[in-house]
Amino acid sequence: MIVGGGFGGVGAARELDRRVARGLDAHVTLISDSNFLLFTPLLVGVASSTVEAR
């Protein structure tokens, strides 16, 4: 069980999911109270149109 959906939690879940696909006997569960991954430092660039929102 991974508690928290930040960069560390999502990275751990992805790596564990790859290992399960290769034969690791485990179940991966990511618990997070949000349904998105937000990189706050990029918000300034998006707001000033120097970075596209997509």
N, C-alpha and C. Protein backbone atom coordinates (compact mmCIF):
# COMPACT_ATOMS: atom_id res chain seq x y z
N MET A 1 0.83 -1.15 0.00
CA MET A 1 0.00 0.00 0.00
C MET A 1 0.89 1.23 0.00
N ILE A 2 0.60 2.15 -0.89
CA ILE A 2 1.32 3.42 -0.99
C ILE A 2 0.34 4.51 -0.61
N VAL A 3 0.68 5.27 0.41
CA VAL A 3 -0.20 6.35 0.87
C VAL A 3 0.37 7.67 0.37
N GLY A 4 -0.37 8.34 -0.49
CA GLY A 4 0.07 9.62 -1.05
C GLY A 4 0.32 9.51 -2.53
N GLY A 5 -0.28 10.40 -3.28
CA GLY A 5 -0.17 10.36 -4.73
C GLY A 5 0.73 11.43 -5.30
N GLY A 6 1.76 11.82 -4.56
CA GLY A 6 2.72 12.78 -5.09
C GLY A 6 3.66 12.09 -6.06
N PHE A 7 4.73 12.78 -6.43
CA PHE A 7 5.67 12.21 -7.38
C PHE A 7 6.29 10.91 -6.86
N GLY A 8 6.62 10.87 -5.58
CA GLY A 8 7.21 9.66 -5.00
C GLY A 8 6.25 8.50 -5.00
N GLY A 9 5.01 8.75 -4.60
CA GLY A 9 3.99 7.69 -4.55
C GLY A 9 3.66 7.15 -5.92
N VAL A 10 3.47 8.03 -6.87
CA VAL A 10 3.16 7.60 -8.23
C VAL A 10 4.35 6.86 -8.85
N GLY A 11 5.56 7.35 -8.61
CA GLY A 11 6.75 6.67 -9.12
C GLY A 11 6.90 5.27 -8.54
N ALA A 12 6.66 5.15 -7.23
CA ALA A 12 6.75 3.84 -6.58
C ALA A 12 5.68 2.90 -7.12
N ALA A 13 4.46 3.41 -7.32
CA ALA A 13 3.38 2.57 -7.85
C ALA A 13 3.69 2.09 -9.25
N ARG A 14 4.23 2.96 -10.08
CA ARG A 14 4.57 2.55 -11.45
C ARG A 14 5.66 1.49 -11.46
N GLU A 15 6.68 1.69 -10.63
CA GLU A 15 7.78 0.71 -10.59
C GLU A 15 7.29 -0.63 -10.05
N LEU A 16 6.50 -0.61 -9.00
CA LEU A 16 5.97 -1.86 -8.46
C LEU A 16 5.05 -2.53 -9.47
N ASP A 17 4.26 -1.77 -10.21
CA ASP A 17 3.39 -2.34 -11.23
C ASP A 17 4.20 -3.03 -12.31
N ARG A 18 5.34 -2.44 -12.70
CA ARG A 18 6.22 -3.09 -13.68
C ARG A 18 6.77 -4.41 -13.13
N ARG A 19 7.14 -4.40 -11.85
CA ARG A 19 7.68 -5.63 -11.26
C ARG A 19 6.62 -6.70 -11.12
N VAL A 20 5.38 -6.32 -10.85
CA VAL A 20 4.29 -7.29 -10.79
C VAL A 20 4.08 -7.91 -12.17
N ALA A 21 4.18 -7.10 -13.21
CA ALA A 21 4.03 -7.61 -14.57
C ALA A 21 5.12 -8.61 -14.92
N ARG A 22 6.29 -8.48 -14.28
CA ARG A 22 7.41 -9.40 -14.53
C ARG A 22 7.41 -10.60 -13.59
N GLY A 23 6.38 -10.71 -12.73
CA GLY A 23 6.28 -11.92 -11.92
C GLY A 23 6.31 -11.73 -10.42
N LEU A 24 6.48 -10.52 -9.93
CA LEU A 24 6.46 -10.28 -8.49
C LEU A 24 5.06 -10.57 -7.96
N ASP A 25 4.98 -11.35 -6.89
CA ASP A 25 3.69 -11.71 -6.31
C ASP A 25 3.28 -10.65 -5.29
N ALA A 26 2.57 -9.63 -5.77
CA ALA A 26 2.15 -8.53 -4.89
C ALA A 26 0.95 -7.83 -5.51
N HIS A 27 0.25 -7.08 -4.68
CA HIS A 27 -0.85 -6.22 -5.13
C HIS A 27 -0.47 -4.79 -4.79
N VAL A 28 -0.59 -3.89 -5.76
CA VAL A 28 -0.21 -2.49 -5.56
C VAL A 28 -1.48 -1.65 -5.41
N THR A 29 -1.55 -0.89 -4.33
CA THR A 29 -2.67 0.02 -4.09
C THR A 29 -2.12 1.39 -3.75
N LEU A 30 -2.56 2.39 -4.51
CA LEU A 30 -2.15 3.77 -4.27
C LEU A 30 -3.35 4.51 -3.68
N ILE A 31 -3.17 5.08 -2.50
CA ILE A 31 -4.23 5.81 -1.82
C ILE A 31 -3.89 7.29 -1.85
N SER A 32 -4.80 8.09 -2.41
CA SER A 32 -4.60 9.53 -2.50
C SER A 32 -5.96 10.21 -2.47
N ASP A 33 -6.03 11.39 -1.85
CA ASP A 33 -7.30 12.09 -1.81
C ASP A 33 -7.53 13.00 -3.01
N SER A 34 -6.60 12.98 -3.97
CA SER A 34 -6.77 13.77 -5.19
C SER A 34 -6.64 12.85 -6.40
N ASN A 35 -7.27 13.25 -7.50
CA ASN A 35 -7.23 12.42 -8.71
C ASN A 35 -6.35 13.04 -9.79
N PHE A 36 -5.34 13.81 -9.36
CA PHE A 36 -4.43 14.44 -10.31
C PHE A 36 -3.06 14.55 -9.68
N LEU A 37 -2.06 14.76 -10.52
CA LEU A 37 -0.69 14.98 -10.07
C LEU A 37 -0.30 16.37 -10.52
N LEU A 38 -0.09 17.29 -9.59
CA LEU A 38 0.15 18.69 -9.89
C LEU A 38 1.59 19.06 -9.59
N PHE A 39 2.27 19.65 -10.57
CA PHE A 39 3.63 20.13 -10.38
C PHE A 39 3.55 21.65 -10.24
N THR A 40 3.47 22.12 -9.01
CA THR A 40 3.20 23.52 -8.69
C THR A 40 4.17 24.51 -9.34
N PRO A 41 5.48 24.25 -9.41
CA PRO A 41 6.37 25.24 -10.03
C PRO A 41 6.04 25.58 -11.48
N LEU A 42 5.35 24.70 -12.20
CA LEU A 42 5.00 24.99 -13.59
C LEU A 42 3.78 25.90 -13.72
N LEU A 43 3.04 26.13 -12.64
CA LEU A 43 1.84 26.95 -12.73
C LEU A 43 2.15 28.38 -13.19
N VAL A 44 3.25 28.95 -12.75
CA VAL A 44 3.63 30.30 -13.16
C VAL A 44 3.85 30.35 -14.66
N GLY A 45 4.52 29.35 -15.20
CA GLY A 45 4.77 29.30 -16.64
C GLY A 45 3.48 29.14 -17.43
N VAL A 46 2.55 28.37 -16.93
CA VAL A 46 1.27 28.19 -17.61
C VAL A 46 0.47 29.48 -17.55
N ALA A 47 0.45 30.13 -16.38
CA ALA A 47 -0.30 31.37 -16.22
C ALA A 47 0.24 32.49 -17.09
N SER A 48 1.55 32.52 -17.32
CA SER A 48 2.14 33.59 -18.13
C SER A 48 2.27 33.21 -19.60
N SER A 49 1.71 32.08 -19.98
CA SER A 49 1.69 31.58 -21.36
C SER A 49 3.06 31.26 -21.92
N THR A 50 4.05 31.01 -21.06
CA THR A 50 5.35 30.57 -21.58
C THR A 50 5.40 29.06 -21.72
N VAL A 51 4.44 28.38 -21.10
CA VAL A 51 4.31 26.92 -21.20
C VAL A 51 2.85 26.62 -21.53
N GLU A 52 2.60 25.71 -22.46
CA GLU A 52 1.23 25.36 -22.81
C GLU A 52 0.60 24.55 -21.68
N ALA A 53 -0.68 24.74 -21.46
CA ALA A 53 -1.38 24.06 -20.38
C ALA A 53 -1.44 22.56 -20.58
N ARG A 54 -1.42 22.09 -21.79
CA ARG A 54 -1.51 20.64 -22.01
C ARG A 54 -0.20 20.00 -21.73
